[in-house]
Amino acid sequence: MDNDSSDKQVIRRLSFMAVVPGNTNATIYLAILREVDGERFFPIWLNRPDFTPLFENVGLTRQNVLPMSMANMFKGLCHSFAIRIKEIRICAVRAGITYCHLICEQGNNLKTITFCNAAQALSLYVKMSCSITISETLLEKQQMNYQGERDFSMPLNALCDELLERALNEAIKKESYEEASRLRDELNKRK
């Protein structure tokens, strides 16, 4: 697991930039976060249960959304018990899933809810106006790199299985066996 377990890391703030389709049939989306005081981008893959409430919270769509999303319920719960989410700290990426810690404050006490799904936490970020952060080390390792106008690359462990399988099939079609081997190895590590 690519994670950040050191307390002495330089922490970078991120901001929500966009949500874009991750595949042609729109079953997965990619949330793109941008470094606040820099030029780097960080990807978070969203499945349908994750992106629907996020779309509701940022006003992108209201189709097929339940009357009260999990983010709304959590916001109400936090309000009722005087809990404030101070920070969502991205802490790990594994098999296409990004994890985070929710750093909460209640009175003078700080509490951390560890290893939450960051795709779901994005709705909290939008709904509750908290900061989202990542260590310099993890951002450097997991950032998206733009290759051209619409092309970008990212580490294999940041890709979901569906995209890895599609890339594997393309590599085999192109007879790029070294690339196919790397993709197959990444898929096998996840089983």
N, C-alpha and C. Protein backbone atom coordinates (compact mmCIF):
# COMPACT_ATOMS: atom_id res chain seq x y z
N MET A 1 0.85 -1.18 0.00
CA MET A 1 0.00 0.00 0.00
C MET A 1 0.89 1.23 0.00
N ASP A 2 0.63 2.15 -0.91
CA ASP A 2 1.36 3.41 -0.89
C ASP A 2 0.66 4.30 0.11
N ASN A 3 1.34 4.53 1.24
CA ASN A 3 0.69 5.35 2.26
C ASN A 3 1.69 6.27 2.92
N ASP A 4 1.16 7.12 3.75
CA ASP A 4 1.93 8.12 4.45
C ASP A 4 1.70 7.87 5.93
N SER A 5 2.70 7.32 6.61
CA SER A 5 2.52 7.03 8.03
C SER A 5 3.38 7.93 8.91
N SER A 6 4.19 8.78 8.31
CA SER A 6 5.08 9.64 9.08
C SER A 6 4.38 10.93 9.49
N ASP A 7 4.52 11.30 10.76
CA ASP A 7 3.92 12.54 11.25
C ASP A 7 4.76 13.76 10.87
N LYS A 8 5.98 13.56 10.38
CA LYS A 8 6.89 14.67 10.10
C LYS A 8 6.91 15.05 8.63
N GLN A 9 5.90 14.68 7.88
CA GLN A 9 5.83 14.98 6.46
C GLN A 9 5.38 16.41 6.23
N VAL A 10 5.84 17.00 5.13
CA VAL A 10 5.32 18.28 4.68
C VAL A 10 3.93 18.02 4.13
N ILE A 11 2.96 18.82 4.56
CA ILE A 11 1.57 18.62 4.15
C ILE A 11 1.18 19.69 3.13
N ARG A 12 0.53 19.27 2.06
CA ARG A 12 0.08 20.18 1.00
C ARG A 12 -1.44 20.23 1.00
N ARG A 13 -1.99 21.42 0.80
CA ARG A 13 -3.45 21.58 0.68
C ARG A 13 -3.86 21.33 -0.76
N LEU A 14 -5.02 20.71 -0.93
CA LEU A 14 -5.59 20.45 -2.23
C LEU A 14 -6.94 21.14 -2.34
N SER A 15 -7.37 21.41 -3.55
CA SER A 15 -8.71 21.94 -3.78
C SER A 15 -9.39 21.10 -4.86
N PHE A 16 -10.70 21.02 -4.77
CA PHE A 16 -11.49 20.28 -5.74
C PHE A 16 -11.50 21.05 -7.05
N MET A 17 -11.18 20.38 -8.15
CA MET A 17 -11.11 21.05 -9.44
C MET A 17 -12.24 20.62 -10.37
N ALA A 18 -12.40 19.31 -10.58
CA ALA A 18 -13.39 18.84 -11.55
C ALA A 18 -13.69 17.37 -11.34
N VAL A 19 -14.81 16.95 -11.94
CA VAL A 19 -15.15 15.54 -12.05
C VAL A 19 -15.34 15.27 -13.54
N VAL A 20 -14.65 14.25 -14.05
CA VAL A 20 -14.73 13.92 -15.47
C VAL A 20 -15.05 12.44 -15.62
N PRO A 21 -15.72 12.05 -16.71
CA PRO A 21 -15.99 10.62 -16.93
C PRO A 21 -14.69 9.84 -17.01
N GLY A 22 -14.69 8.67 -16.39
CA GLY A 22 -13.50 7.82 -16.39
C GLY A 22 -13.56 6.73 -17.44
N ASN A 23 -14.73 6.52 -18.01
CA ASN A 23 -14.86 5.54 -19.08
C ASN A 23 -15.99 5.98 -20.02
N THR A 24 -16.14 5.28 -21.13
CA THR A 24 -17.08 5.71 -22.16
C THR A 24 -18.54 5.54 -21.77
N ASN A 25 -18.85 4.59 -20.89
CA ASN A 25 -20.25 4.39 -20.52
C ASN A 25 -20.61 5.06 -19.18
N ALA A 26 -19.74 5.92 -18.68
CA ALA A 26 -19.99 6.76 -17.50
C ALA A 26 -20.39 5.96 -16.26
N THR A 27 -19.75 4.82 -16.04
CA THR A 27 -20.00 4.07 -14.80
C THR A 27 -18.99 4.44 -13.73
N ILE A 28 -17.87 5.02 -14.13
CA ILE A 28 -16.89 5.53 -13.18
C ILE A 28 -16.50 6.95 -13.59
N TYR A 29 -16.14 7.74 -12.61
CA TYR A 29 -15.70 9.11 -12.85
C TYR A 29 -14.38 9.33 -12.14
N LEU A 30 -13.70 10.38 -12.52
CA LEU A 30 -12.44 10.75 -11.92
C LEU A 30 -12.57 12.15 -11.33
N ALA A 31 -12.39 12.25 -10.01
CA ALA A 31 -12.35 13.55 -9.35
C ALA A 31 -10.90 14.02 -9.42
N ILE A 32 -10.71 15.25 -9.83
CA ILE A 32 -9.36 15.80 -9.94
C ILE A 32 -9.20 16.89 -8.90
N LEU A 33 -8.21 16.72 -8.04
CA LEU A 33 -7.87 17.71 -7.03
C LEU A 33 -6.58 18.39 -7.47
N ARG A 34 -6.45 19.67 -7.15
CA ARG A 34 -5.26 20.41 -7.54
C ARG A 34 -4.56 20.96 -6.30
N GLU A 35 -3.26 20.91 -6.31
CA GLU A 35 -2.45 21.47 -5.24
C GLU A 35 -2.75 22.97 -5.14
N VAL A 36 -3.06 23.47 -3.94
CA VAL A 36 -3.46 24.86 -3.75
C VAL A 36 -2.34 25.82 -4.14
N ASP A 37 -1.14 25.58 -3.66
CA ASP A 37 -0.03 26.48 -3.96
C ASP A 37 0.97 25.84 -4.90
N GLY A 38 0.48 25.17 -5.93
CA GLY A 38 1.37 24.49 -6.86
C GLY A 38 0.64 24.11 -8.13
N GLU A 39 1.27 23.26 -8.90
CA GLU A 39 0.76 22.89 -10.21
C GLU A 39 0.39 21.41 -10.34
N ARG A 40 0.47 20.65 -9.25
CA ARG A 40 0.25 19.20 -9.34
C ARG A 40 -1.22 18.85 -9.14
N PHE A 41 -1.60 17.72 -9.72
CA PHE A 41 -2.97 17.23 -9.66
C PHE A 41 -2.98 15.86 -9.02
N PHE A 42 -4.08 15.55 -8.31
CA PHE A 42 -4.22 14.27 -7.63
C PHE A 42 -5.56 13.66 -8.03
N PRO A 43 -5.58 12.39 -8.49
CA PRO A 43 -6.82 11.75 -8.93
C PRO A 43 -7.48 10.92 -7.83
N ILE A 44 -8.81 10.90 -7.83
CA ILE A 44 -9.56 9.98 -6.99
C ILE A 44 -10.67 9.38 -7.86
N TRP A 45 -10.67 8.05 -7.97
CA TRP A 45 -11.69 7.35 -8.77
C TRP A 45 -12.99 7.27 -7.99
N LEU A 46 -14.10 7.47 -8.69
CA LEU A 46 -15.42 7.45 -8.08
C LEU A 46 -16.30 6.42 -8.79
N ASN A 47 -16.91 5.53 -8.02
CA ASN A 47 -17.92 4.63 -8.55
C ASN A 47 -19.28 5.30 -8.40
N ARG A 48 -20.30 4.75 -9.00
CA ARG A 48 -21.63 5.37 -8.98
C ARG A 48 -22.11 5.75 -7.58
N PRO A 49 -21.99 4.90 -6.56
CA PRO A 49 -22.47 5.31 -5.23
C PRO A 49 -21.68 6.51 -4.67
N ASP A 50 -20.44 6.69 -5.14
CA ASP A 50 -19.62 7.79 -4.64
C ASP A 50 -19.87 9.09 -5.40
N PHE A 51 -20.04 9.02 -6.73
CA PHE A 51 -20.13 10.27 -7.48
C PHE A 51 -21.52 10.88 -7.47
N THR A 52 -22.57 10.12 -7.26
CA THR A 52 -23.91 10.70 -7.26
C THR A 52 -24.08 11.74 -6.15
N PRO A 53 -23.73 11.44 -4.88
CA PRO A 53 -23.86 12.49 -3.86
C PRO A 53 -22.90 13.65 -4.08
N LEU A 54 -21.72 13.38 -4.64
CA LEU A 54 -20.79 14.47 -4.92
C LEU A 54 -21.38 15.41 -5.96
N PHE A 55 -21.99 14.84 -7.00
CA PHE A 55 -22.64 15.68 -8.01
C PHE A 55 -23.72 16.54 -7.37
N GLU A 56 -24.49 15.95 -6.47
CA GLU A 56 -25.55 16.70 -5.79
C GLU A 56 -24.95 17.88 -5.01
N ASN A 57 -23.84 17.62 -4.32
CA ASN A 57 -23.24 18.65 -3.47
C ASN A 57 -22.58 19.78 -4.23
N VAL A 58 -22.06 19.51 -5.42
CA VAL A 58 -21.44 20.58 -6.19
C VAL A 58 -22.36 21.11 -7.28
N GLY A 59 -23.61 20.62 -7.29
CA GLY A 59 -24.60 21.16 -8.21
C GLY A 59 -24.46 20.70 -9.65
N LEU A 60 -23.84 19.55 -9.89
CA LEU A 60 -23.66 19.09 -11.26
C LEU A 60 -24.91 18.41 -11.81
N THR A 61 -25.64 17.72 -10.97
CA THR A 61 -26.86 17.05 -11.42
C THR A 61 -27.72 16.72 -10.20
N ARG A 62 -28.97 16.49 -10.42
CA ARG A 62 -29.84 16.05 -9.34
C ARG A 62 -30.60 14.78 -9.73
N GLN A 63 -30.22 14.15 -10.80
CA GLN A 63 -30.90 12.93 -11.24
C GLN A 63 -30.52 11.75 -10.36
N ASN A 64 -31.49 10.93 -10.07
CA ASN A 64 -31.27 9.68 -9.34
C ASN A 64 -30.56 9.86 -8.00
N VAL A 65 -30.86 10.92 -7.30
CA VAL A 65 -30.25 11.18 -6.01
C VAL A 65 -31.30 10.99 -4.92
N LEU A 66 -30.93 10.28 -3.86
CA LEU A 66 -31.84 10.11 -2.74
C LEU A 66 -32.08 11.46 -2.07
N PRO A 67 -33.21 11.65 -1.39
CA PRO A 67 -33.51 12.95 -0.79
C PRO A 67 -32.44 13.45 0.18
N MET A 68 -31.82 12.56 0.95
CA MET A 68 -30.78 13.00 1.87
C MET A 68 -29.55 12.12 1.66
N SER A 69 -28.48 12.72 1.22
CA SER A 69 -27.26 11.95 0.98
C SER A 69 -26.56 11.65 2.30
N MET A 70 -25.60 10.74 2.26
CA MET A 70 -24.82 10.40 3.44
C MET A 70 -24.09 11.64 3.97
N ALA A 71 -23.61 12.49 3.06
CA ALA A 71 -22.92 13.71 3.48
C ALA A 71 -23.86 14.62 4.27
N ASN A 72 -25.12 14.73 3.84
CA ASN A 72 -26.09 15.54 4.58
C ASN A 72 -26.37 14.95 5.96
N MET A 73 -26.50 13.62 6.02
CA MET A 73 -26.74 12.98 7.32
C MET A 73 -25.55 13.19 8.25
N PHE A 74 -24.35 13.03 7.72
CA PHE A 74 -23.15 13.20 8.53
C PHE A 74 -23.02 14.64 9.01
N LYS A 75 -23.35 15.59 8.13
CA LYS A 75 -23.30 17.00 8.51
C LYS A 75 -24.27 17.27 9.66
N GLY A 76 -25.48 16.71 9.58
CA GLY A 76 -26.46 16.87 10.65
C GLY A 76 -26.00 16.24 11.95
N LEU A 77 -25.39 15.08 11.87
CA LEU A 77 -24.87 14.40 13.04
C LEU A 77 -23.76 15.23 13.68
N CYS A 78 -22.85 15.74 12.86
CA CYS A 78 -21.77 16.58 13.39
C CYS A 78 -22.32 17.83 14.06
N HIS A 79 -23.32 18.43 13.44
CA HIS A 79 -23.93 19.64 14.02
C HIS A 79 -24.58 19.32 15.37
N SER A 80 -25.29 18.21 15.44
CA SER A 80 -25.99 17.82 16.67
C SER A 80 -25.03 17.57 17.83
N PHE A 81 -23.85 17.05 17.55
CA PHE A 81 -22.90 16.71 18.60
C PHE A 81 -21.70 17.68 18.66
N ALA A 82 -21.85 18.83 18.01
CA ALA A 82 -20.81 19.88 18.01
C ALA A 82 -19.44 19.34 17.59
N ILE A 83 -19.45 18.57 16.50
CA ILE A 83 -18.22 18.03 15.94
C ILE A 83 -17.94 18.79 14.65
N ARG A 84 -16.69 19.16 14.47
CA ARG A 84 -16.29 19.85 13.24
C ARG A 84 -15.20 19.03 12.56
N ILE A 85 -15.39 18.76 11.28
CA ILE A 85 -14.32 18.10 10.53
C ILE A 85 -13.33 19.19 10.15
N LYS A 86 -12.14 19.11 10.72
CA LYS A 86 -11.10 20.10 10.46
C LYS A 86 -10.38 19.83 9.14
N GLU A 87 -10.18 18.54 8.87
CA GLU A 87 -9.31 18.20 7.75
C GLU A 87 -9.60 16.79 7.26
N ILE A 88 -9.52 16.62 5.96
CA ILE A 88 -9.52 15.30 5.34
C ILE A 88 -8.10 15.11 4.83
N ARG A 89 -7.37 14.17 5.43
CA ARG A 89 -5.96 13.95 5.08
C ARG A 89 -5.86 12.69 4.24
N ILE A 90 -5.54 12.83 2.97
CA ILE A 90 -5.32 11.67 2.11
C ILE A 90 -4.08 10.95 2.61
N CYS A 91 -4.20 9.63 2.82
CA CYS A 91 -3.12 8.90 3.48
C CYS A 91 -2.61 7.69 2.70
N ALA A 92 -3.37 7.17 1.73
CA ALA A 92 -2.92 5.96 1.04
C ALA A 92 -3.67 5.78 -0.26
N VAL A 93 -3.04 5.05 -1.19
CA VAL A 93 -3.68 4.64 -2.44
C VAL A 93 -3.34 3.19 -2.65
N ARG A 94 -4.38 2.40 -2.88
CA ARG A 94 -4.16 0.97 -3.09
C ARG A 94 -5.23 0.42 -4.01
N ALA A 95 -4.81 -0.25 -5.06
CA ALA A 95 -5.72 -0.92 -6.00
C ALA A 95 -6.81 0.02 -6.51
N GLY A 96 -6.43 1.24 -6.84
CA GLY A 96 -7.38 2.18 -7.40
C GLY A 96 -8.27 2.87 -6.38
N ILE A 97 -8.06 2.60 -5.11
CA ILE A 97 -8.88 3.22 -4.05
C ILE A 97 -7.99 4.15 -3.24
N THR A 98 -8.46 5.37 -3.04
CA THR A 98 -7.73 6.34 -2.24
C THR A 98 -8.36 6.38 -0.85
N TYR A 99 -7.51 6.36 0.17
CA TYR A 99 -7.96 6.36 1.56
C TYR A 99 -7.56 7.67 2.24
N CYS A 100 -8.31 8.03 3.28
CA CYS A 100 -8.01 9.26 4.01
C CYS A 100 -8.34 9.09 5.48
N HIS A 101 -7.85 10.03 6.27
CA HIS A 101 -8.22 10.14 7.68
C HIS A 101 -9.09 11.37 7.82
N LEU A 102 -10.16 11.28 8.59
CA LEU A 102 -10.97 12.45 8.93
C LEU A 102 -10.50 12.95 10.28
N ILE A 103 -9.99 14.15 10.31
CA ILE A 103 -9.52 14.74 11.57
C ILE A 103 -10.62 15.65 12.07
N CYS A 104 -11.21 15.26 13.21
CA CYS A 104 -12.40 15.93 13.75
C CYS A 104 -12.07 16.62 15.06
N GLU A 105 -12.85 17.65 15.35
CA GLU A 105 -12.66 18.41 16.58
C GLU A 105 -14.01 18.50 17.30
N GLN A 106 -13.99 18.20 18.58
CA GLN A 106 -15.16 18.34 19.42
C GLN A 106 -14.70 19.03 20.70
N GLY A 107 -15.07 20.28 20.84
CA GLY A 107 -14.55 21.07 21.95
C GLY A 107 -13.05 21.25 21.78
N ASN A 108 -12.30 20.87 22.78
CA ASN A 108 -10.84 20.96 22.70
C ASN A 108 -10.19 19.63 22.32
N ASN A 109 -10.99 18.65 21.97
CA ASN A 109 -10.47 17.31 21.67
C ASN A 109 -10.40 17.08 20.16
N LEU A 110 -9.26 16.54 19.71
CA LEU A 110 -9.11 16.11 18.33
C LEU A 110 -9.24 14.60 18.27
N LYS A 111 -10.01 14.13 17.33
CA LYS A 111 -10.17 12.70 17.12
C LYS A 111 -9.97 12.43 15.63
N THR A 112 -9.42 11.26 15.33
CA THR A 112 -9.17 10.90 13.94
C THR A 112 -9.92 9.62 13.61
N ILE A 113 -10.68 9.67 12.55
CA ILE A 113 -11.33 8.48 12.00
C ILE A 113 -10.41 8.03 10.87
N THR A 114 -9.83 6.84 10.99
CA THR A 114 -8.77 6.42 10.07
C THR A 114 -9.28 5.58 8.91
N PHE A 115 -8.56 5.67 7.82
CA PHE A 115 -8.72 4.89 6.60
C PHE A 115 -10.15 4.85 6.07
N CYS A 116 -10.69 6.03 5.84
CA CYS A 116 -12.00 6.17 5.19
C CYS A 116 -11.79 6.18 3.68
N ASN A 117 -12.83 5.87 2.95
CA ASN A 117 -12.78 5.95 1.50
C ASN A 117 -12.80 7.42 1.09
N ALA A 118 -11.73 7.89 0.45
CA ALA A 118 -11.62 9.30 0.10
C ALA A 118 -12.66 9.72 -0.93
N ALA A 119 -13.10 8.80 -1.78
CA ALA A 119 -14.14 9.15 -2.76
C ALA A 119 -15.41 9.58 -2.04
N GLN A 120 -15.76 8.90 -0.96
CA GLN A 120 -16.94 9.28 -0.19
C GLN A 120 -16.69 10.53 0.63
N ALA A 121 -15.46 10.72 1.09
CA ALA A 121 -15.13 11.90 1.89
C ALA A 121 -15.16 13.18 1.07
N LEU A 122 -15.05 13.09 -0.25
CA LEU A 122 -15.12 14.29 -1.08
C LEU A 122 -16.45 15.03 -0.91
N SER A 123 -17.53 14.29 -0.72
CA SER A 123 -18.83 14.94 -0.47
C SER A 123 -18.81 15.71 0.83
N LEU A 124 -18.11 15.17 1.84
CA LEU A 124 -17.98 15.90 3.11
C LEU A 124 -17.15 17.17 2.91
N TYR A 125 -16.11 17.06 2.12
CA TYR A 125 -15.26 18.22 1.82
C TYR A 125 -16.10 19.36 1.23
N VAL A 126 -16.94 19.02 0.28
CA VAL A 126 -17.78 20.04 -0.38
C VAL A 126 -18.86 20.54 0.57
N LYS A 127 -19.50 19.64 1.29
CA LYS A 127 -20.64 19.99 2.13
C LYS A 127 -20.23 20.74 3.39
N MET A 128 -19.06 20.40 3.96
CA MET A 128 -18.70 20.92 5.27
C MET A 128 -17.56 21.94 5.24
N SER A 129 -17.09 22.29 4.08
CA SER A 129 -16.07 23.33 3.91
C SER A 129 -14.83 23.11 4.77
N CYS A 130 -14.36 21.89 4.81
CA CYS A 130 -13.12 21.59 5.54
C CYS A 130 -11.96 21.56 4.54
N SER A 131 -10.75 21.49 5.04
CA SER A 131 -9.60 21.42 4.13
C SER A 131 -9.32 19.96 3.77
N ILE A 132 -8.70 19.79 2.64
CA ILE A 132 -8.27 18.45 2.22
C ILE A 132 -6.77 18.55 1.98
N THR A 133 -6.02 17.61 2.56
CA THR A 133 -4.56 17.68 2.52
C THR A 133 -3.96 16.33 2.14
N ILE A 134 -2.66 16.39 1.82
CA ILE A 134 -1.90 15.19 1.46
C ILE A 134 -0.44 15.48 1.78
N SER A 135 0.31 14.46 2.11
CA SER A 135 1.73 14.69 2.36
C SER A 135 2.45 14.95 1.04
N GLU A 136 3.52 15.70 1.12
CA GLU A 136 4.35 15.98 -0.06
C GLU A 136 4.82 14.68 -0.69
N THR A 137 5.22 13.72 0.12
CA THR A 137 5.73 12.43 -0.37
C THR A 137 4.67 11.68 -1.17
N LEU A 138 3.47 11.59 -0.63
CA LEU A 138 2.40 10.86 -1.31
C LEU A 138 1.95 11.60 -2.57
N LEU A 139 1.85 12.92 -2.52
CA LEU A 139 1.47 13.70 -3.71
C LEU A 139 2.50 13.50 -4.81
N GLU A 140 3.76 13.56 -4.47
CA GLU A 140 4.82 13.40 -5.47
C GLU A 140 4.74 12.01 -6.11
N LYS A 141 4.45 11.01 -5.31
CA LYS A 141 4.41 9.63 -5.80
C LYS A 141 3.16 9.31 -6.61
N GLN A 142 2.03 9.91 -6.27
CA GLN A 142 0.74 9.54 -6.86
C GLN A 142 0.15 10.58 -7.80
N GLN A 143 0.83 11.65 -8.07
CA GLN A 143 0.25 12.72 -8.88
C GLN A 143 -0.01 12.27 -10.32
N MET A 144 -0.96 12.96 -10.95
CA MET A 144 -1.23 12.79 -12.37
C MET A 144 -0.23 13.65 -13.13
N ASN A 145 0.28 13.13 -14.23
CA ASN A 145 1.20 13.89 -15.07
C ASN A 145 0.57 14.08 -16.43
N TYR A 146 0.38 15.34 -16.82
CA TYR A 146 -0.20 15.61 -18.13
C TYR A 146 0.82 15.34 -19.21
N GLN A 147 0.38 14.60 -20.24
CA GLN A 147 1.24 14.21 -21.35
C GLN A 147 0.92 15.01 -22.61
N GLY A 148 -0.17 15.72 -22.61
CA GLY A 148 -0.60 16.46 -23.79
C GLY A 148 -1.91 17.14 -23.47
N GLU A 149 -2.59 17.59 -24.50
CA GLU A 149 -3.81 18.36 -24.30
C GLU A 149 -4.87 17.61 -23.49
N ARG A 150 -5.09 16.35 -23.81
CA ARG A 150 -6.11 15.55 -23.10
C ARG A 150 -5.56 14.28 -22.48
N ASP A 151 -4.28 14.07 -22.59
CA ASP A 151 -3.67 12.84 -22.10
C ASP A 151 -2.91 13.08 -20.81
N PHE A 152 -3.01 12.12 -19.91
CA PHE A 152 -2.24 12.19 -18.67
C PHE A 152 -1.89 10.78 -18.25
N SER A 153 -0.90 10.69 -17.40
CA SER A 153 -0.51 9.38 -16.87
C SER A 153 -0.60 9.43 -15.35
N MET A 154 -0.73 8.27 -14.76
CA MET A 154 -0.76 8.16 -13.30
C MET A 154 -0.21 6.80 -12.92
N PRO A 155 0.20 6.64 -11.67
CA PRO A 155 0.75 5.35 -11.24
C PRO A 155 -0.27 4.22 -11.41
N LEU A 156 0.23 3.01 -11.70
CA LEU A 156 -0.67 1.87 -11.91
C LEU A 156 -1.55 1.60 -10.70
N ASN A 157 -1.02 1.76 -9.48
CA ASN A 157 -1.82 1.44 -8.30
C ASN A 157 -2.97 2.42 -8.11
N ALA A 158 -2.95 3.55 -8.83
CA ALA A 158 -4.04 4.53 -8.73
C ALA A 158 -5.19 4.19 -9.67
N LEU A 159 -4.98 3.26 -10.60
CA LEU A 159 -6.01 2.91 -11.57
C LEU A 159 -6.94 1.83 -11.02
N CYS A 160 -8.21 1.95 -11.36
CA CYS A 160 -9.17 0.92 -10.97
C CYS A 160 -8.98 -0.32 -11.86
N ASP A 161 -9.51 -1.44 -11.41
CA ASP A 161 -9.36 -2.70 -12.14
C ASP A 161 -9.88 -2.61 -13.57
N GLU A 162 -11.02 -1.96 -13.76
CA GLU A 162 -11.63 -1.86 -15.09
C GLU A 162 -10.67 -1.18 -16.08
N LEU A 163 -10.04 -0.10 -15.66
CA LEU A 163 -9.12 0.60 -16.56
C LEU A 163 -7.83 -0.19 -16.77
N LEU A 164 -7.36 -0.89 -15.75
CA LEU A 164 -6.18 -1.74 -15.92
C LEU A 164 -6.45 -2.86 -16.92
N GLU A 165 -7.62 -3.48 -16.82
CA GLU A 165 -7.97 -4.55 -17.75
C GLU A 165 -8.09 -4.03 -19.18
N ARG A 166 -8.66 -2.85 -19.33
CA ARG A 166 -8.78 -2.25 -20.67
C ARG A 166 -7.38 -1.94 -21.22
N ALA A 167 -6.49 -1.39 -20.39
CA ALA A 167 -5.12 -1.10 -20.82
C ALA A 167 -4.37 -2.38 -21.16
N LEU A 168 -4.60 -3.43 -20.40
CA LEU A 168 -3.97 -4.73 -20.68
C LEU A 168 -4.40 -5.25 -22.05
N ASN A 169 -5.69 -5.20 -22.32
CA ASN A 169 -6.19 -5.67 -23.63
C ASN A 169 -5.60 -4.84 -24.78
N GLU A 170 -5.48 -3.53 -24.59
CA GLU A 170 -4.88 -2.67 -25.61
C GLU A 170 -3.41 -3.01 -25.82
N ALA A 171 -2.68 -3.24 -24.73
CA ALA A 171 -1.26 -3.58 -24.84
C ALA A 171 -1.07 -4.90 -25.59
N ILE A 172 -1.95 -5.86 -25.33
CA ILE A 172 -1.86 -7.15 -26.02
C ILE A 172 -2.16 -6.97 -27.51
N LYS A 173 -3.19 -6.16 -27.83
CA LYS A 173 -3.52 -5.89 -29.24
C LYS A 173 -2.35 -5.25 -29.97
N LYS A 174 -1.65 -4.36 -29.29
CA LYS A 174 -0.51 -3.65 -29.90
C LYS A 174 0.78 -4.46 -29.82
N GLU A 175 0.67 -5.66 -29.25
CA GLU A 175 1.82 -6.55 -29.06
C GLU A 175 2.92 -5.88 -28.23
N SER A 176 2.51 -5.08 -27.28
CA SER A 176 3.43 -4.45 -26.34
C SER A 176 3.47 -5.33 -25.09
N TYR A 177 4.24 -6.40 -25.18
CA TYR A 177 4.19 -7.44 -24.17
C TYR A 177 4.83 -7.03 -22.84
N GLU A 178 5.82 -6.15 -22.89
CA GLU A 178 6.43 -5.68 -21.64
C GLU A 178 5.40 -4.87 -20.84
N GLU A 179 4.69 -3.99 -21.53
CA GLU A 179 3.64 -3.20 -20.86
C GLU A 179 2.52 -4.13 -20.38
N ALA A 180 2.13 -5.08 -21.19
CA ALA A 180 1.08 -6.04 -20.81
C ALA A 180 1.49 -6.81 -19.56
N SER A 181 2.76 -7.17 -19.47
CA SER A 181 3.25 -7.90 -18.31
C SER A 181 3.15 -7.04 -17.03
N ARG A 182 3.53 -5.76 -17.13
CA ARG A 182 3.42 -4.86 -15.97
C ARG A 182 1.97 -4.72 -15.52
N LEU A 183 1.05 -4.58 -16.48
CA LEU A 183 -0.37 -4.43 -16.16
C LEU A 183 -0.93 -5.71 -15.54
N ARG A 184 -0.57 -6.85 -16.12
CA ARG A 184 -1.02 -8.15 -15.58
C ARG A 184 -0.51 -8.34 -14.16
N ASP A 185 0.76 -7.99 -13.91
CA ASP A 185 1.34 -8.13 -12.58
C ASP A 185 0.59 -7.27 -11.56
N GLU A 186 0.23 -6.06 -11.95
CA GLU A 186 -0.52 -5.18 -11.04
C GLU A 186 -1.90 -5.78 -10.75
N LEU A 187 -2.58 -6.31 -11.76
CA LEU A 187 -3.89 -6.94 -11.54
C LEU A 187 -3.75 -8.17 -10.64
N ASN A 188 -2.72 -8.97 -10.84
CA ASN A 188 -2.52 -10.17 -10.02
C ASN A 188 -2.22 -9.82 -8.56
N LYS A 189 -1.52 -8.71 -8.32
CA LYS A 189 -1.23 -8.29 -6.94
C LYS A 189 -2.52 -7.98 -6.18
N ARG A 190 -3.55 -7.61 -6.89
CA ARG A 190 -4.81 -7.21 -6.25
C ARG A 190 -5.70 -8.38 -5.88
N LYS A 191 -5.41 -9.56 -6.37
CA LYS A 191 -6.26 -10.73 -6.13
C LYS A 191 -5.92 -11.37 -4.80
